[in-house]
Amino acid sequence: MEGPGNPVEVRALTDQVHAYLQPDGGWGWANSGLVRGAEASLLVDTSFDARLTRAMLDALRPLTGEAPLRLAVNTHGDGDHWYGNHVLPSSVDVVTTAAAATEMRGLTPDVLANLVHAELPWPTRSYVRRAFGAFAFADTGVRLPTDTFSGRLDLDLGGTVVELLEVGPAHTSGDLLVHVPGSGTVFTGDILFVGVTPVMWEGPIDNWIAALDRVLGLRPEHIVPGHGPPTDAAGVLSVRSYLEHVRREARERFDHGMPPEEAAADVDLGGFAHWRLPERVVVTVDRLYHEFDPERPLTGKIEMFEAMARYDASRFRPRRPHPTPG
């Protein structure tokens, strides 16, 4: 089963802001954060299941004694950023974008529980269980956000201002940034991955690039991605370059009539090939093909996991030697 290679870390970015980091940033191992004010604290994202979320709350509890946890923000609709909501005390309100809340209603923990235990063909079954088999979805309840917004929402935790900035659709339909201007910090959710290949479930890609530009425009000192270690502007620019590179490569193959899965396998990832989970390029290329031709139906997520599994399996399959002439 896939899982973090090192212990989780509570990292102080400033006196008011801490990052909760889950290595190694693969499927489901997402980061969270805590922002403290004089009167209350805010949690950025819960974890993928109840056990992981309880462990996070226990680790953060020494920081919330004088400023109790009163609010949680879900940065988007992927389960590794909100399935732990039901573990939060009832006194904690949960907020996200209206678009993310709509997506959450169709992607509850039972969906992934059923996927993990489904009788899928090889290599999809092996891939899905490696990706998600470490998480206890069956023991995880459903708590949707209590409040939603669109555009922008400003919060005051008692002298500590937090700005929630909607930047989706991009990675998903309802992505947001959590900006703490007084601490020079941005929690990006999955607008940013560091050392891990991005995956574009929604798009359009121009929105995602614009979201990265927005992060840069805030000029933060501390940037906490949804997956991977904290970074600076260089980490943001790397993901921007990846998206532009894949778009160029996909467009060339689209114009030559190459099918999307074949095109993804043919893309040379170059300097990005060492990032974890390179097979996610299959999803991004598929979504780009839909952008190039809006009449082309979107491929379902199950089919996308099947395609990623085939890409992943092909990377490790021994190549047959070419026959020797004569």
C-alpha atoms as a PDB file:
ATOM      1  CA  MET A   1       0.000   0.000   0.000  1.00  0.00           C
ATOM      2  CA  GLU A   2       1.130   3.485  -0.771  1.00  0.00           C
ATOM      3  CA  GLY A   3       1.855   5.662   2.240  1.00  0.00           C
ATOM      4  CA  PRO A   4       4.107   8.349   3.622  1.00  0.00           C
ATOM      5  CA  GLY A   5       7.765   7.497   3.882  1.00  0.00           C
ATOM      6  CA  ASN A   6       8.413   9.751   6.862  1.00  0.00           C
ATOM      7  CA  PRO A   7       6.483  10.907   9.940  1.00  0.00           C
ATOM      8  CA  VAL A   8       4.070  13.782   9.608  1.00  0.00           C
ATOM      9  CA  GLU A   9       5.372  17.185  10.618  1.00  0.00           C
ATOM     10  CA  VAL A  10       3.832  20.242  12.259  1.00  0.00           C
ATOM     11  CA  ARG A  11       5.962  23.067  10.897  1.00  0.00           C
ATOM     12  CA  ALA A  12       5.796  26.607  12.295  1.00  0.00           C
ATOM     13  CA  LEU A  13       5.833  29.075   9.407  1.00  0.00           C
ATOM     14  CA  THR A  14       5.153  32.073  11.662  1.00  0.00           C
ATOM     15  CA  ASP A  15       3.813  32.494  15.207  1.00  0.00           C
ATOM     16  CA  GLN A  16       0.275  32.470  13.808  1.00  0.00           C
ATOM     17  CA  VAL A  17       0.552  29.929  10.996  1.00  0.00           C
ATOM     18  CA  HIS A  18       1.542  26.260  11.035  1.00  0.00           C
ATOM     19  CA  ALA A  19       1.610  23.678   8.257  1.00  0.00           C
ATOM     20  CA  TYR A  20       0.646  20.054   8.867  1.00  0.00           C
ATOM     21  CA  LEU A  21       2.659  18.079   6.326  1.00  0.00           C
ATOM     22  CA  GLN A  22       2.026  14.491   5.251  1.00  0.00           C
ATOM     23  CA  PRO A  23       4.844  12.958   3.201  1.00  0.00           C
ATOM     24  CA  ASP A  24       5.220  11.773   0.531  1.00  0.00           C
ATOM     25  CA  GLY A  25       2.458  13.694  -1.174  1.00  0.00           C
ATOM     26  CA  GLY A  26       1.035  10.769  -3.155  1.00  0.00           C
ATOM     27  CA  TRP A  27      -2.622   9.844  -3.597  1.00  0.00           C
ATOM     28  CA  GLY A  28      -4.491  10.867  -0.439  1.00  0.00           C
ATOM     29  CA  TRP A  29      -1.502  12.155   1.559  1.00  0.00           C
ATOM     30  CA  ALA A  30      -2.487  15.816   1.613  1.00  0.00           C
ATOM     31  CA  ASN A  31      -1.265  18.746   3.663  1.00  0.00           C
ATOM     32  CA  SER A  32      -3.343  20.822   6.069  1.00  0.00           C
ATOM     33  CA  GLY A  33      -2.711  23.979   8.057  1.00  0.00           C
ATOM     34  CA  LEU A  34      -3.629  25.989  11.121  1.00  0.00           C
ATOM     35  CA  VAL A  35      -4.074  29.757  11.339  1.00  0.00           C
ATOM     36  CA  ARG A  36      -4.374  31.251  14.837  1.00  0.00           C
ATOM     37  CA  GLY A  37      -5.885  34.566  15.828  1.00  0.00           C
ATOM     38  CA  ALA A  38      -6.425  36.202  19.205  1.00  0.00           C
ATOM     39  CA  GLU A  39      -9.952  34.810  19.449  1.00  0.00           C
ATOM     40  CA  ALA A  40     -10.117  31.717  17.270  1.00  0.00           C
ATOM     41  CA  SER A  41      -8.185  29.328  15.036  1.00  0.00           C
ATOM     42  CA  LEU A  42      -8.908  28.171  11.514  1.00  0.00           C
ATOM     43  CA  LEU A  43      -8.063  24.741  10.070  1.00  0.00           C
ATOM     44  CA  VAL A  44      -7.146  24.434   6.403  1.00  0.00           C
ATOM     45  CA  ASP A  45      -8.425  21.047   5.178  1.00  0.00           C
ATOM     46  CA  THR A  46      -9.103  17.839   7.040  1.00  0.00           C
ATOM     47  CA  SER A  47      -7.533  14.509   6.061  1.00  0.00           C
ATOM     48  CA  PHE A  48      -8.666  11.504   4.019  1.00  0.00           C
ATOM     49  CA  ASP A  49     -10.247   9.497   6.831  1.00  0.00           C
ATOM     50  CA  ALA A  50     -11.233   9.712  10.489  1.00  0.00           C
ATOM     51  CA  ARG A  51      -8.038   8.167  11.877  1.00  0.00           C
ATOM     52  CA  LEU A  52      -5.749  10.562  10.050  1.00  0.00           C
ATOM     53  CA  THR A  53      -7.883  13.574  10.958  1.00  0.00           C
ATOM     54  CA  ARG A  54      -7.951  12.663  14.656  1.00  0.00           C
ATOM     55  CA  ALA A  55      -4.168  12.310  14.598  1.00  0.00           C
ATOM     56  CA  MET A  56      -3.886  15.751  13.027  1.00  0.00           C
ATOM     57  CA  LEU A  57      -6.204  17.366  15.572  1.00  0.00           C
ATOM     58  CA  ASP A  58      -4.226  15.757  18.394  1.00  0.00           C
ATOM     59  CA  ALA A  59      -0.973  17.117  16.968  1.00  0.00           C
ATOM     60  CA  LEU A  60      -2.406  20.619  16.607  1.00  0.00           C
ATOM     61  CA  ARG A  61      -4.190  20.730  19.976  1.00  0.00           C
ATOM     62  CA  PRO A  62      -1.240  22.305  21.870  1.00  0.00           C
ATOM     63  CA  LEU A  63      -1.522  25.280  19.497  1.00  0.00           C
ATOM     64  CA  THR A  64      -5.239  25.965  19.974  1.00  0.00           C
ATOM     65  CA  GLY A  65      -5.457  26.312  23.771  1.00  0.00           C
ATOM     66  CA  GLU A  66      -5.857  30.089  23.837  1.00  0.00           C
ATOM     67  CA  ALA A  67      -7.483  30.335  20.394  1.00  0.00           C
ATOM     68  CA  PRO A  68      -9.952  27.436  20.066  1.00  0.00           C
ATOM     69  CA  LEU A  69     -10.658  25.915  16.684  1.00  0.00           C
ATOM     70  CA  ARG A  70     -13.804  27.618  15.379  1.00  0.00           C
ATOM     71  CA  LEU A  71     -13.628  27.334  11.599  1.00  0.00           C
ATOM     72  CA  ALA A  72     -12.396  24.914   8.949  1.00  0.00           C
ATOM     73  CA  VAL A  73     -11.886  25.565   5.242  1.00  0.00           C
ATOM     74  CA  ASN A  74     -11.964  22.883   2.553  1.00  0.00           C
ATOM     75  CA  THR A  75      -9.820  24.028  -0.367  1.00  0.00           C
ATOM     76  CA  HIS A  76     -11.717  21.902  -2.926  1.00  0.00           C
ATOM     77  CA  GLY A  77     -13.867  18.807  -3.405  1.00  0.00           C
ATOM     78  CA  ASP A  78     -11.305  15.980  -3.433  1.00  0.00           C
ATOM     79  CA  GLY A  79     -11.862  13.675  -0.467  1.00  0.00           C
ATOM     80  CA  ASP A  80      -8.346  13.878   0.930  1.00  0.00           C
ATOM     81  CA  HIS A  81      -9.123  17.500   1.798  1.00  0.00           C
ATOM     82  CA  TRP A  82     -12.546  17.074   3.425  1.00  0.00           C
ATOM     83  CA  TYR A  83     -13.505  13.474   4.344  1.00  0.00           C
ATOM     84  CA  GLY A  84     -12.311  14.119   7.902  1.00  0.00           C
ATOM     85  CA  ASN A  85     -14.828  16.938   8.401  1.00  0.00           C
ATOM     86  CA  HIS A  86     -17.154  14.739  10.458  1.00  0.00           C
ATOM     87  CA  VAL A  87     -14.463  14.336  13.145  1.00  0.00           C
ATOM     88  CA  LEU A  88     -14.471  18.074  13.839  1.00  0.00           C
ATOM     89  CA  PRO A  89     -16.380  19.294  16.905  1.00  0.00           C
ATOM     90  CA  SER A  90     -19.908  20.505  16.174  1.00  0.00           C
ATOM     91  CA  SER A  91     -18.810  23.993  17.263  1.00  0.00           C
ATOM     92  CA  VAL A  92     -16.544  24.222  14.202  1.00  0.00           C
ATOM     93  CA  ASP A  93     -18.154  25.681  11.088  1.00  0.00           C
ATOM     94  CA  VAL A  94     -16.911  24.462   7.707  1.00  0.00           C
ATOM     95  CA  VAL A  95     -16.692  26.674   4.631  1.00  0.00           C
ATOM     96  CA  THR A  96     -15.787  26.128   0.973  1.00  0.00           C
ATOM     97  CA  THR A  97     -16.797  27.428  -2.441  1.00  0.00           C
ATOM     98  CA  ALA A  98     -20.309  26.738  -3.699  1.00  0.00           C
ATOM     99  CA  ALA A  99     -18.839  24.832  -6.651  1.00  0.00           C
ATOM    100  CA  ALA A 100     -16.744  22.605  -4.378  1.00  0.00           C
ATOM    101  CA  ALA A 101     -19.737  21.855  -2.144  1.00  0.00           C
ATOM    102  CA  THR A 102     -21.712  20.700  -5.169  1.00  0.00           C
ATOM    103  CA  GLU A 103     -18.872  18.414  -6.225  1.00  0.00           C
ATOM    104  CA  MET A 104     -18.571  16.962  -2.703  1.00  0.00           C
ATOM    105  CA  ARG A 105     -22.171  15.719  -2.774  1.00  0.00           C
ATOM    106  CA  GLY A 106     -21.260  13.345  -5.585  1.00  0.00           C
ATOM    107  CA  LEU A 107     -17.881  12.223  -4.242  1.00  0.00           C
ATOM    108  CA  THR A 108     -18.604  10.935  -0.736  1.00  0.00           C
ATOM    109  CA  PRO A 109     -16.378   8.349   1.032  1.00  0.00           C
ATOM    110  CA  ASP A 110     -18.572   5.414  -0.033  1.00  0.00           C
ATOM    111  CA  VAL A 111     -17.651   6.124  -3.653  1.00  0.00           C
ATOM    112  CA  LEU A 112     -13.974   5.430  -2.959  1.00  0.00           C
ATOM    113  CA  ALA A 113     -14.764   2.574  -0.565  1.00  0.00           C
ATOM    114  CA  ASN A 114     -16.679   0.874  -3.375  1.00  0.00           C
ATOM    115  CA  LEU A 115     -13.868   1.577  -5.839  1.00  0.00           C
ATOM    116  CA  VAL A 116     -11.205   0.005  -3.599  1.00  0.00           C
ATOM    117  CA  HIS A 117     -13.245  -3.186  -3.164  1.00  0.00           C
ATOM    118  CA  ALA A 118     -14.564  -3.416  -6.711  1.00  0.00           C
ATOM    119  CA  GLU A 119     -13.596  -6.386  -8.879  1.00  0.00           C
ATOM    120  CA  LEU A 120     -11.629  -4.334 -11.352  1.00  0.00           C
ATOM    121  CA  PRO A 121      -9.436  -5.824 -14.091  1.00  0.00           C
ATOM    122  CA  TRP A 122      -5.663  -5.878 -13.815  1.00  0.00           C
ATOM    123  CA  PRO A 123      -3.780  -3.540 -13.669  1.00  0.00           C
ATOM    124  CA  THR A 124      -6.510  -1.150 -12.451  1.00  0.00           C
ATOM    125  CA  ARG A 125      -7.318  -3.185  -9.367  1.00  0.00           C
ATOM    126  CA  SER A 126      -3.684  -3.250  -8.244  1.00  0.00           C
ATOM    127  CA  TYR A 127      -3.212   0.448  -8.968  1.00  0.00           C
ATOM    128  CA  VAL A 128      -6.349   1.566  -7.091  1.00  0.00           C
ATOM    129  CA  ARG A 129      -5.512  -0.536  -4.046  1.00  0.00           C
ATOM    130  CA  ARG A 130      -1.965   0.799  -3.926  1.00  0.00           C
ATOM    131  CA  ALA A 131      -3.299   4.325  -4.186  1.00  0.00           C
ATOM    132  CA  PHE A 132      -6.226   4.136  -1.741  1.00  0.00           C
ATOM    133  CA  GLY A 133      -5.992   0.883   0.195  1.00  0.00           C
ATOM    134  CA  ALA A 134      -4.344   2.535   3.209  1.00  0.00           C
ATOM    135  CA  PHE A 135      -7.410   4.649   3.998  1.00  0.00           C
ATOM    136  CA  ALA A 136     -10.429   3.623   6.098  1.00  0.00           C
ATOM    137  CA  PHE A 137     -13.272   5.021   4.000  1.00  0.00           C
ATOM    138  CA  ALA A 138     -15.797   2.618   5.508  1.00  0.00           C
ATOM    139  CA  ASP A 139     -15.217   4.230   8.929  1.00  0.00           C
ATOM    140  CA  THR A 140     -15.498   7.755   7.591  1.00  0.00           C
ATOM    141  CA  GLY A 141     -18.758   9.700   7.802  1.00  0.00           C
ATOM    142  CA  VAL A 142     -20.028  12.564   5.679  1.00  0.00           C
ATOM    143  CA  ARG A 143     -20.096  16.163   6.833  1.00  0.00           C
ATOM    144  CA  LEU A 144     -20.557  18.683   4.084  1.00  0.00           C
ATOM    145  CA  PRO A 145     -19.575  22.325   4.596  1.00  0.00           C
ATOM    146  CA  THR A 146     -22.046  24.467   6.518  1.00  0.00           C
ATOM    147  CA  ASP A 147     -21.240  27.670   4.607  1.00  0.00           C
ATOM    148  CA  THR A 148     -20.322  28.410   0.996  1.00  0.00           C
ATOM    149  CA  PHE A 149     -19.244  31.432  -1.009  1.00  0.00           C
ATOM    150  CA  SER A 150     -18.245  32.451  -4.500  1.00  0.00           C
ATOM    151  CA  GLY A 151     -15.479  34.808  -5.489  1.00  0.00           C
ATOM    152  CA  ARG A 152     -13.942  35.946  -2.218  1.00  0.00           C
ATOM    153  CA  LEU A 153     -14.580  35.728   1.505  1.00  0.00           C
ATOM    154  CA  ASP A 154     -12.612  37.675   4.132  1.00  0.00           C
ATOM    155  CA  LEU A 155     -12.430  36.380   7.703  1.00  0.00           C
ATOM    156  CA  ASP A 156     -11.139  37.945  10.926  1.00  0.00           C
ATOM    157  CA  LEU A 157      -9.916  35.595  13.656  1.00  0.00           C
ATOM    158  CA  GLY A 158      -9.418  38.428  16.113  1.00  0.00           C
ATOM    159  CA  GLY A 159      -6.763  40.540  14.465  1.00  0.00           C
ATOM    160  CA  THR A 160      -5.587  37.864  12.042  1.00  0.00           C
ATOM    161  CA  VAL A 161      -7.154  38.370   8.620  1.00  0.00           C
ATOM    162  CA  VAL A 162      -7.649  35.384   6.319  1.00  0.00           C
ATOM    163  CA  GLU A 163      -8.658  35.778   2.678  1.00  0.00           C
ATOM    164  CA  LEU A 164     -10.397  32.940   0.863  1.00  0.00           C
ATOM    165  CA  LEU A 165      -9.918  33.420  -2.882  1.00  0.00           C
ATOM    166  CA  GLU A 166     -11.826  31.283  -5.379  1.00  0.00           C
ATOM    167  CA  VAL A 167      -9.635  30.351  -8.345  1.00  0.00           C
ATOM    168  CA  GLY A 168     -11.482  27.357  -9.814  1.00  0.00           C
ATOM    169  CA  PRO A 169     -12.461  25.672 -11.949  1.00  0.00           C
ATOM    170  CA  ALA A 170      -8.909  24.430 -12.441  1.00  0.00           C
ATOM    171  CA  HIS A 171      -7.696  21.274 -10.682  1.00  0.00           C
ATOM    172  CA  THR A 172     -11.351  20.693  -9.696  1.00  0.00           C
ATOM    173  CA  SER A 173     -14.515  22.711 -10.137  1.00  0.00           C
ATOM    174  CA  GLY A 174     -14.232  24.788  -6.959  1.00  0.00           C
ATOM    175  CA  ASP A 175     -10.610  25.407  -5.969  1.00  0.00           C
ATOM    176  CA  LEU A 176      -9.707  28.153  -3.505  1.00  0.00           C
ATOM    177  CA  LEU A 177      -6.592  29.706  -1.990  1.00  0.00           C
ATOM    178  CA  VAL A 178      -6.208  30.530   1.705  1.00  0.00           C
ATOM    179  CA  HIS A 179      -4.172  33.728   2.008  1.00  0.00           C
ATOM    180  CA  VAL A 180      -2.915  35.020   5.357  1.00  0.00           C
ATOM    181  CA  PRO A 181      -1.493  38.403   4.328  1.00  0.00           C
ATOM    182  CA  GLY A 182      -0.160  39.366   7.753  1.00  0.00           C
ATOM    183  CA  SER A 183       1.980  36.226   7.784  1.00  0.00           C
ATOM    184  CA  GLY A 184       2.914  36.207   4.105  1.00  0.00           C
ATOM    185  CA  THR A 185       1.430  32.730   3.687  1.00  0.00           C
ATOM    186  CA  VAL A 186      -0.709  30.994   1.075  1.00  0.00           C
ATOM    187  CA  PHE A 187      -2.226  27.526   1.398  1.00  0.00           C
ATOM    188  CA  THR A 188      -2.893  26.558  -2.204  1.00  0.00           C
ATOM    189  CA  GLY A 189      -4.793  23.286  -1.931  1.00  0.00           C
ATOM    190  CA  ASP A 190      -4.209  21.258  -5.083  1.00  0.00           C
ATOM    191  CA  ILE A 191      -3.607  24.269  -7.265  1.00  0.00           C
ATOM    192  CA  LEU A 192      -0.017  23.412  -6.402  1.00  0.00           C
ATOM    193  CA  PHE A 193       1.857  20.112  -6.113  1.00  0.00           C
ATOM    194  CA  VAL A 194       5.569  20.013  -5.266  1.00  0.00           C
ATOM    195  CA  GLY A 195       7.550  17.009  -6.487  1.00  0.00           C
ATOM    196  CA  VAL A 196       4.255  15.338  -7.388  1.00  0.00           C
ATOM    197  CA  THR A 197       2.642  15.402 -10.839  1.00  0.00           C
ATOM    198  CA  PRO A 198      -0.442  17.639 -11.027  1.00  0.00           C
ATOM    199  CA  VAL A 199      -3.723  16.186 -12.270  1.00  0.00           C
ATOM    200  CA  MET A 200      -6.326  18.294 -14.053  1.00  0.00           C
ATOM    201  CA  TRP A 201      -9.717  16.791 -13.297  1.00  0.00           C
ATOM    202  CA  GLU A 202     -11.614  19.855 -14.461  1.00  0.00           C
ATOM    203  CA  GLY A 203      -9.765  22.700 -16.163  1.00  0.00           C
ATOM    204  CA  PRO A 204      -9.646  24.768 -18.265  1.00  0.00           C
ATOM    205  CA  ILE A 205      -5.884  24.859 -18.128  1.00  0.00           C
ATOM    206  CA  ASP A 206      -5.811  28.652 -18.609  1.00  0.00           C
ATOM    207  CA  ASN A 207      -7.697  29.002 -15.310  1.00  0.00           C
ATOM    208  CA  TRP A 208      -5.114  26.841 -13.559  1.00  0.00           C
ATOM    209  CA  ILE A 209      -2.244  28.902 -14.967  1.00  0.00           C
ATOM    210  CA  ALA A 210      -4.077  32.075 -13.920  1.00  0.00           C
ATOM    211  CA  ALA A 211      -4.476  30.639 -10.408  1.00  0.00           C
ATOM    212  CA  LEU A 212      -0.718  30.034 -10.192  1.00  0.00           C
ATOM    213  CA  ASP A 213      -0.124  33.585 -11.385  1.00  0.00           C
ATOM    214  CA  ARG A 214      -2.453  34.782  -8.651  1.00  0.00           C
ATOM    215  CA  VAL A 215      -0.377  32.956  -6.043  1.00  0.00           C
ATOM    216  CA  LEU A 216       2.741  34.652  -7.398  1.00  0.00           C
ATOM    217  CA  GLY A 217       0.989  38.024  -7.403  1.00  0.00           C
ATOM    218  CA  LEU A 218       0.363  37.734  -3.665  1.00  0.00           C
ATOM    219  CA  ARG A 219       4.165  37.628  -3.179  1.00  0.00           C
ATOM    220  CA  PRO A 220       3.991  35.188  -0.252  1.00  0.00           C
ATOM    221  CA  GLU A 221       7.010  34.225   1.775  1.00  0.00           C
ATOM    222  CA  HIS A 222       5.514  30.836   2.648  1.00  0.00           C
ATOM    223  CA  ILE A 223       3.624  28.658   0.130  1.00  0.00           C
ATOM    224  CA  VAL A 224       2.066  25.401   1.314  1.00  0.00           C
ATOM    225  CA  PRO A 225       0.957  23.109  -1.539  1.00  0.00           C
ATOM    226  CA  GLY A 226      -1.795  20.555  -1.325  1.00  0.00           C
ATOM    227  CA  HIS A 227       0.820  17.815  -1.676  1.00  0.00           C
ATOM    228  CA  GLY A 228       4.563  17.966  -1.142  1.00  0.00           C
ATOM    229  CA  PRO A 229       6.835  20.212   0.927  1.00  0.00           C
ATOM    230  CA  PRO A 230       6.397  23.975   1.362  1.00  0.00           C
ATOM    231  CA  THR A 231       7.968  25.980  -1.426  1.00  0.00           C
ATOM    232  CA  ASP A 232       8.575  29.438  -2.833  1.00  0.00           C
ATOM    233  CA  ALA A 233       7.918  31.090  -6.184  1.00  0.00           C
ATOM    234  CA  ALA A 234      10.190  28.573  -7.931  1.00  0.00           C
ATOM    235  CA  GLY A 235       7.838  25.731  -7.017  1.00  0.00           C
ATOM    236  CA  VAL A 236       4.883  27.630  -8.457  1.00  0.00           C
ATOM    237  CA  LEU A 237       6.754  28.383 -11.665  1.00  0.00           C
ATOM    238  CA  SER A 238       7.678  24.696 -12.033  1.00  0.00           C
ATOM    239  CA  VAL A 239       4.034  23.621 -12.041  1.00  0.00           C
ATOM    240  CA  ARG A 240       3.187  26.460 -14.420  1.00  0.00           C
ATOM    241  CA  SER A 241       5.922  25.242 -16.776  1.00  0.00           C
ATOM    242  CA  TYR A 242       4.656  21.654 -16.524  1.00  0.00           C
ATOM    243  CA  LEU A 243       1.123  22.652 -17.516  1.00  0.00           C
ATOM    244  CA  GLU A 244       2.360  24.721 -20.445  1.00  0.00           C
ATOM    245  CA  HIS A 245       4.671  21.892 -21.558  1.00  0.00           C
ATOM    246  CA  VAL A 246       1.925  19.272 -21.477  1.00  0.00           C
ATOM    247  CA  ARG A 247      -0.467  21.585 -23.321  1.00  0.00           C
ATOM    248  CA  ARG A 248       2.059  22.108 -26.133  1.00  0.00           C
ATOM    249  CA  GLU A 249       2.812  18.395 -26.378  1.00  0.00           C
ATOM    250  CA  ALA A 250      -0.869  17.436 -26.308  1.00  0.00           C
ATOM    251  CA  ARG A 251      -1.823  20.006 -28.928  1.00  0.00           C
ATOM    252  CA  GLU A 252       0.807  18.715 -31.360  1.00  0.00           C
ATOM    253  CA  ARG A 253      -0.490  15.164 -31.016  1.00  0.00           C
ATOM    254  CA  PHE A 254      -4.126  16.256 -31.195  1.00  0.00           C
ATOM    255  CA  ASP A 255      -3.421  18.065 -34.461  1.00  0.00           C
ATOM    256  CA  HIS A 256      -1.890  14.843 -35.851  1.00  0.00           C
ATOM    257  CA  GLY A 257      -4.984  12.825 -34.925  1.00  0.00           C
ATOM    258  CA  MET A 258      -3.377  10.757 -32.176  1.00  0.00           C
ATOM    259  CA  PRO A 259      -5.868   9.319 -29.607  1.00  0.00           C
ATOM    260  CA  PRO A 260      -5.522  10.923 -26.146  1.00  0.00           C
ATOM    261  CA  GLU A 261      -4.238   7.906 -24.211  1.00  0.00           C
ATOM    262  CA  GLU A 262      -1.691   7.172 -26.914  1.00  0.00           C
ATOM    263  CA  ALA A 263      -0.736  10.846 -26.932  1.00  0.00           C
ATOM    264  CA  ALA A 264      -0.170  10.869 -23.164  1.00  0.00           C
ATOM    265  CA  ALA A 265       2.102   7.835 -23.425  1.00  0.00           C
ATOM    266  CA  ASP A 266       4.001   9.554 -26.228  1.00  0.00           C
ATOM    267  CA  VAL A 267       4.558  12.848 -24.365  1.00  0.00           C
ATOM    268  CA  ASP A 268       8.163  13.355 -23.311  1.00  0.00           C
ATOM    269  CA  LEU A 269       7.937  14.656 -19.736  1.00  0.00           C
ATOM    270  CA  GLY A 270      11.542  15.785 -19.854  1.00  0.00           C
ATOM    271  CA  GLY A 271      12.620  17.484 -16.648  1.00  0.00           C
ATOM    272  CA  PHE A 272       9.297  16.656 -14.999  1.00  0.00           C
ATOM    273  CA  ALA A 273       9.604  12.887 -15.444  1.00  0.00           C
ATOM    274  CA  HIS A 274      11.077  12.383 -11.960  1.00  0.00           C
ATOM    275  CA  TRP A 275       7.983  13.804 -10.223  1.00  0.00           C
ATOM    276  CA  ARG A 276       5.882  11.206  -8.418  1.00  0.00           C
ATOM    277  CA  LEU A 277       2.858   9.750 -10.221  1.00  0.00           C
ATOM    278  CA  PRO A 278       3.792  10.716 -13.801  1.00  0.00           C
ATOM    279  CA  GLU A 279       0.835   8.643 -15.031  1.00  0.00           C
ATOM    280  CA  ARG A 280      -1.446  11.533 -14.105  1.00  0.00           C
ATOM    281  CA  VAL A 281      -0.462  13.095 -17.424  1.00  0.00           C
ATOM    282  CA  VAL A 282      -3.101  10.778 -18.922  1.00  0.00           C
ATOM    283  CA  VAL A 283      -5.891  12.698 -17.179  1.00  0.00           C
ATOM    284  CA  THR A 284      -4.532  16.121 -18.049  1.00  0.00           C
ATOM    285  CA  VAL A 285      -4.090  15.205 -21.717  1.00  0.00           C
ATOM    286  CA  ASP A 286      -7.610  13.776 -21.836  1.00  0.00           C
ATOM    287  CA  ARG A 287      -9.062  17.010 -20.416  1.00  0.00           C
ATOM    288  CA  LEU A 288      -6.954  19.053 -22.851  1.00  0.00           C
ATOM    289  CA  TYR A 289      -8.365  17.068 -25.770  1.00  0.00           C
ATOM    290  CA  HIS A 290     -11.825  18.107 -24.570  1.00  0.00           C
ATOM    291  CA  GLU A 291     -10.649  21.735 -24.524  1.00  0.00           C
ATOM    292  CA  PHE A 292      -9.306  21.407 -28.060  1.00  0.00           C
ATOM    293  CA  ASP A 293     -12.610  19.828 -29.169  1.00  0.00           C
ATOM    294  CA  PRO A 294     -15.516  20.670 -26.816  1.00  0.00           C
ATOM    295  CA  GLU A 295     -17.743  18.244 -28.746  1.00  0.00           C
ATOM    296  CA  ARG A 296     -15.613  15.383 -27.470  1.00  0.00           C
ATOM    297  CA  PRO A 297     -17.250  13.827 -24.375  1.00  0.00           C
ATOM    298  CA  LEU A 298     -15.324  13.907 -21.113  1.00  0.00           C
ATOM    299  CA  THR A 299     -13.950  10.545 -20.015  1.00  0.00           C
ATOM    300  CA  GLY A 300     -15.272   9.269 -16.658  1.00  0.00           C
ATOM    301  CA  LYS A 301     -13.035   9.024 -13.618  1.00  0.00           C
ATOM    302  CA  ILE A 302     -13.130   5.212 -13.501  1.00  0.00           C
ATOM    303  CA  GLU A 303     -11.937   5.094 -17.092  1.00  0.00           C
ATOM    304  CA  MET A 304      -9.246   7.614 -16.199  1.00  0.00           C
ATOM    305  CA  PHE A 305      -7.970   5.392 -13.394  1.00  0.00           C
ATOM    306  CA  GLU A 306      -7.907   2.479 -15.830  1.00  0.00           C
ATOM    307  CA  ALA A 307      -5.821   4.573 -18.240  1.00  0.00           C
ATOM    308  CA  MET A 308      -3.443   5.702 -15.480  1.00  0.00           C
ATOM    309  CA  ALA A 309      -3.019   2.101 -14.369  1.00  0.00           C
ATOM    310  CA  ARG A 310      -2.098   1.040 -17.909  1.00  0.00           C
ATOM    311  CA  TYR A 311       0.427   3.894 -18.169  1.00  0.00           C
ATOM    312  CA  ASP A 312       1.917   2.979 -14.785  1.00  0.00           C
ATOM    313  CA  ALA A 313       2.158  -0.725 -15.657  1.00  0.00           C
ATOM    314  CA  SER A 314       3.801  -0.006 -19.013  1.00  0.00           C
ATOM    315  CA  ARG A 315       6.628   1.928 -17.319  1.00  0.00           C
ATOM    316  CA  PHE A 316       7.794  -1.224 -15.547  1.00  0.00           C
ATOM    317  CA  ARG A 317       7.148  -3.796 -18.261  1.00  0.00           C
ATOM    318  CA  PRO A 318      10.395  -5.190 -19.736  1.00  0.00           C
ATOM    319  CA  ARG A 319      10.808  -4.221 -23.339  1.00  0.00           C
ATOM    320  CA  ARG A 320      11.301  -7.073 -25.807  1.00  0.00           C
ATOM    321  CA  PRO A 321      14.606  -6.794 -27.649  1.00  0.00           C
ATOM    322  CA  HIS A 322      14.397  -6.129 -31.359  1.00  0.00           C
ATOM    323  CA  PRO A 323      15.303  -9.212 -33.425  1.00  0.00           C
ATOM    324  CA  THR A 324      18.847  -9.254 -34.737  1.00  0.00           C
ATOM    325  CA  PRO A 325      18.979  -9.063 -38.546  1.00  0.00           C
ATOM    326  CA  GLY A 326      20.277 -12.150 -40.313  1.00  0.00           C
END
